[in-house]
C-alpha atoms as a PDB file:
ATOM      1  CA  MET A   1      39.740-126.672-174.035  1.00  0.00           C
ATOM      2  CA  ALA A   2      38.984-124.305-176.862  1.00  0.00           C
ATOM      3  CA  GLY A   3      40.602-120.907-176.864  1.00  0.00           C
ATOM      4  CA  PRO A   4      38.810-117.601-177.271  1.00  0.00           C
ATOM      5  CA  ILE A   5      36.776-117.135-180.449  1.00  0.00           C
ATOM      6  CA  PRO A   6      38.661-115.029-182.991  1.00  0.00           C
ATOM      7  CA  GLU A   7      37.251-111.565-183.726  1.00  0.00           C
ATOM      8  CA  ASP A   8      36.877-112.344-187.456  1.00  0.00           C
ATOM      9  CA  MET A   9      34.607-115.306-186.731  1.00  0.00           C
ATOM     10  CA  MET A  10      32.403-113.213-184.420  1.00  0.00           C
ATOM     11  CA  GLU A  11      32.138-110.505-187.070  1.00  0.00           C
ATOM     12  CA  ALA A  12      31.128-113.075-189.699  1.00  0.00           C
ATOM     13  CA  LEU A  13      28.246-114.282-187.473  1.00  0.00           C
ATOM     14  CA  ARG A  14      26.960-110.792-186.662  1.00  0.00           C
ATOM     15  CA  PRO A  15      23.935-109.624-188.761  1.00  0.00           C
ATOM     16  CA  LYS A  16      24.841-106.864-191.208  1.00  0.00           C
ATOM     17  CA  SER A  17      21.413-105.190-191.322  1.00  0.00           C
ATOM     18  CA  VAL A  18      18.178-104.961-189.401  1.00  0.00           C
ATOM     19  CA  GLN A  19      16.421-107.017-192.060  1.00  0.00           C
ATOM     20  CA  GLU A  20      19.033-109.764-191.692  1.00  0.00           C
ATOM     21  CA  LEU A  21      18.552-109.704-187.922  1.00  0.00           C
ATOM     22  CA  HIS A  22      14.759-109.989-188.253  1.00  0.00           C
ATOM     23  CA  ALA A  23      15.120-112.808-190.762  1.00  0.00           C
ATOM     24  CA  SER A  24      17.465-114.783-188.493  1.00  0.00           C
ATOM     25  CA  VAL A  25      15.191-114.315-185.481  1.00  0.00           C
ATOM     26  CA  ALA A  26      12.130-115.380-187.484  1.00  0.00           C
ATOM     27  CA  ALA A  27      13.963-118.402-188.857  1.00  0.00           C
ATOM     28  CA  ALA A  28      14.989-119.530-185.385  1.00  0.00           C
ATOM     29  CA  GLY A  29      11.329-119.935-184.466  1.00  0.00           C
ATOM     30  CA  ARG A  30       9.997-120.591-181.049  1.00  0.00           C
ATOM     31  CA  ARG A  31      10.377-124.035-179.585  1.00  0.00           C
ATOM     32  CA  LYS A  32       7.843-123.726-176.783  1.00  0.00           C
ATOM     33  CA  PRO A  33       4.562-121.842-176.645  1.00  0.00           C
ATOM     34  CA  LEU A  34       4.452-118.796-174.411  1.00  0.00           C
ATOM     35  CA  PRO A  35       3.169-119.375-170.893  1.00  0.00           C
ATOM     36  CA  PRO A  36      -0.474-118.408-170.256  1.00  0.00           C
ATOM     37  CA  VAL A  37       0.578-115.510-168.039  1.00  0.00           C
ATOM     38  CA  VAL A  38       2.009-113.716-171.080  1.00  0.00           C
ATOM     39  CA  GLY A  39      -1.424-113.600-172.719  1.00  0.00           C
ATOM     40  CA  LYS A  40      -2.975-112.378-169.479  1.00  0.00           C
ATOM     41  CA  LEU A  41      -0.352-109.638-169.178  1.00  0.00           C
ATOM     42  CA  GLN A  42      -0.866-108.526-172.778  1.00  0.00           C
ATOM     43  CA  GLN A  43      -4.621-108.344-172.270  1.00  0.00           C
ATOM     44  CA  PHE A  44      -4.131-106.504-168.962  1.00  0.00           C
ATOM     45  CA  ILE A  45      -1.839-103.916-170.557  1.00  0.00           C
ATOM     46  CA  THR A  46      -4.202-103.251-173.484  1.00  0.00           C
ATOM     47  CA  GLN A  47      -7.224-102.882-171.229  1.00  0.00           C
ATOM     48  CA  ARG A  48      -5.311-100.700-168.761  1.00  0.00           C
ATOM     49  CA  GLN A  49      -4.184 -98.373-171.565  1.00  0.00           C
ATOM     50  CA  ALA A  50      -7.762 -98.071-172.828  1.00  0.00           C
ATOM     51  CA  CYS A  51      -8.977 -97.440-169.264  1.00  0.00           C
ATOM     52  CA  GLU A  52      -6.335 -94.729-168.747  1.00  0.00           C
ATOM     53  CA  GLN A  53      -7.307 -92.993-171.994  1.00  0.00           C
ATOM     54  CA  ARG A  54     -10.997 -93.008-171.007  1.00  0.00           C
ATOM     55  CA  CYS A  55     -10.149 -91.758-167.502  1.00  0.00           C
ATOM     56  CA  ILE A  56      -8.017 -88.867-168.782  1.00  0.00           C
ATOM     57  CA  SER A  57     -10.618 -87.973-171.392  1.00  0.00           C
ATOM     58  CA  ARG A  58     -13.395 -87.870-168.779  1.00  0.00           C
ATOM     59  CA  LEU A  59     -11.247 -85.776-166.427  1.00  0.00           C
ATOM     60  CA  ARG A  60     -10.478 -83.256-169.148  1.00  0.00           C
ATOM     61  CA  GLU A  61     -14.157 -82.989-170.084  1.00  0.00           C
ATOM     62  CA  GLN A  62     -15.039 -82.478-166.422  1.00  0.00           C
ATOM     63  CA  ALA A  63     -12.332 -79.801-166.067  1.00  0.00           C
ATOM     64  CA  VAL A  64     -13.734 -77.881-169.041  1.00  0.00           C
ATOM     65  CA  PHE A  65     -17.230 -78.158-167.595  1.00  0.00           C
ATOM     66  CA  GLU A  66     -16.204 -76.991-164.113  1.00  0.00           C
ATOM     67  CA  ALA A  67     -14.187 -74.078-165.494  1.00  0.00           C
ATOM     68  CA  SER A  68     -17.286 -72.969-167.412  1.00  0.00           C
ATOM     69  CA  LEU A  69     -19.446 -72.808-164.276  1.00  0.00           C
ATOM     70  CA  LEU A  70     -18.467 -69.204-163.630  1.00  0.00           C
ATOM     71  CA  PRO A  71     -21.282 -66.662-163.768  1.00  0.00           C
ATOM     72  CA  ALA A  72     -21.551 -64.558-166.912  1.00  0.00           C
ATOM     73  CA  PRO A  73     -19.535 -61.340-166.668  1.00  0.00           C
ATOM     74  CA  ALA A  74     -21.731 -58.415-165.635  1.00  0.00           C
ATOM     75  CA  SER A  75     -19.725 -55.893-167.636  1.00  0.00           C
ATOM     76  CA  VAL A  76     -20.218 -57.491-171.072  1.00  0.00           C
ATOM     77  CA  ALA A  77     -23.442 -55.601-171.836  1.00  0.00           C
ATOM     78  CA  ASP A  78     -22.175 -52.298-170.437  1.00  0.00           C
ATOM     79  CA  ASP A  79     -19.586 -50.501-172.578  1.00  0.00           C
ATOM     80  CA  SER A  80     -19.046 -47.498-170.309  1.00  0.00           C
ATOM     81  CA  SER A  81     -15.428 -46.496-169.762  1.00  0.00           C
ATOM     82  CA  ASN A  82     -15.561 -46.729-165.937  1.00  0.00           C
ATOM     83  CA  LYS A  83     -16.310 -50.474-166.155  1.00  0.00           C
ATOM     84  CA  GLY A  84     -12.970 -51.244-167.869  1.00  0.00           C
ATOM     85  CA  GLY A  85     -11.222 -51.945-164.556  1.00  0.00           C
ATOM     86  CA  GLN A  86     -14.028 -54.243-163.450  1.00  0.00           C
ATOM     87  CA  ARG A  87     -13.837 -56.121-166.742  1.00  0.00           C
ATOM     88  CA  GLU A  88     -10.093 -56.654-166.224  1.00  0.00           C
ATOM     89  CA  LEU A  89     -10.663 -57.932-162.688  1.00  0.00           C
ATOM     90  CA  GLU A  90     -13.340 -60.345-163.887  1.00  0.00           C
ATOM     91  CA  GLU A  91     -11.057 -61.639-166.632  1.00  0.00           C
ATOM     92  CA  GLN A  92      -8.200 -62.116-164.163  1.00  0.00           C
ATOM     93  CA  ALA A  93     -10.525 -63.971-161.812  1.00  0.00           C
ATOM     94  CA  ARG A  94     -11.662 -66.234-164.666  1.00  0.00           C
ATOM     95  CA  GLU A  95      -8.057 -66.973-165.644  1.00  0.00           C
ATOM     96  CA  HIS A  96      -7.136 -67.680-162.020  1.00  0.00           C
ATOM     97  CA  ILE A  97     -10.059 -70.059-161.530  1.00  0.00           C
ATOM     98  CA  GLY A  98      -9.390 -71.748-164.877  1.00  0.00           C
ATOM     99  CA  ALA A  99      -5.742 -72.293-163.914  1.00  0.00           C
ATOM    100  CA  ALA A 100      -6.760 -73.720-160.531  1.00  0.00           C
ATOM    101  CA  VAL A 101      -9.215 -76.128-162.176  1.00  0.00           C
ATOM    102  CA  ARG A 102      -6.596 -77.234-164.726  1.00  0.00           C
ATOM    103  CA  LYS A 103      -4.007 -77.757-161.989  1.00  0.00           C
ATOM    104  CA  ARG A 104      -6.399 -79.799-159.856  1.00  0.00           C
ATOM    105  CA  PHE A 105      -7.447 -82.044-162.732  1.00  0.00           C
ATOM    106  CA  ALA A 106      -3.855 -82.423-163.984  1.00  0.00           C
ATOM    107  CA  GLY A 107      -3.030 -83.861-160.565  1.00  0.00           C
ATOM    108  CA  LEU A 108      -5.924 -86.274-160.886  1.00  0.00           C
ATOM    109  CA  GLU A 109      -4.764 -87.417-164.331  1.00  0.00           C
ATOM    110  CA  ASN A 110      -1.635 -88.854-162.702  1.00  0.00           C
ATOM    111  CA  GLN A 111      -3.839 -91.142-160.630  1.00  0.00           C
ATOM    112  CA  CYS A 112      -5.596 -92.699-163.635  1.00  0.00           C
ATOM    113  CA  SER A 113      -2.822 -95.264-164.062  1.00  0.00           C
ATOM    114  CA  VAL A 114      -3.073 -96.409-160.443  1.00  0.00           C
ATOM    115  CA  LEU A 115      -6.861 -96.480-160.498  1.00  0.00           C
ATOM    116  CA  CYS A 116      -7.039 -98.508-163.704  1.00  0.00           C
ATOM    117  CA  GLY A 117      -4.347-100.883-162.465  1.00  0.00           C
ATOM    118  CA  LYS A 118      -6.371-101.568-159.322  1.00  0.00           C
ATOM    119  CA  ARG A 119      -9.583-102.014-161.280  1.00  0.00           C
ATOM    120  CA  LEU A 120      -8.008-104.593-163.575  1.00  0.00           C
ATOM    121  CA  ALA A 121      -5.724-106.357-161.078  1.00  0.00           C
ATOM    122  CA  HIS A 122      -8.062-109.340-161.003  1.00  0.00           C
ATOM    123  CA  MET A 123      -6.935-110.174-164.542  1.00  0.00           C
ATOM    124  CA  VAL A 124      -3.392-111.049-163.490  1.00  0.00           C
ATOM    125  CA  SER A 125      -3.939-112.272-159.949  1.00  0.00           C
ATOM    126  CA  SER A 126      -3.939-115.963-159.102  1.00  0.00           C
END
């Protein structure tokens, strides 16, 4: 039986740089082709990422649209000093509604990954 490999020999075989590591891996080559499931998984992942990006983009556009559905402030045209308090209340209400819309749609963004995974599950099944 052979004894343990000396430390010097192990150090001599270890790549000294990242380029040397890449070169040795490339030189080793691949003996067998990848199984077909690898291609399916790669395609699934790319399409799921694209689906997630579209989903999040559409949700953000919808959030902006819904936050803009507030009626126009009544105090914009009137510059009288007694309307200042009303203007502040309207602005606070707008900020509150905008925050609620953003919070609701941020929660929906988390579901884009699950939704897209379910939509594309047929690609990797069977």
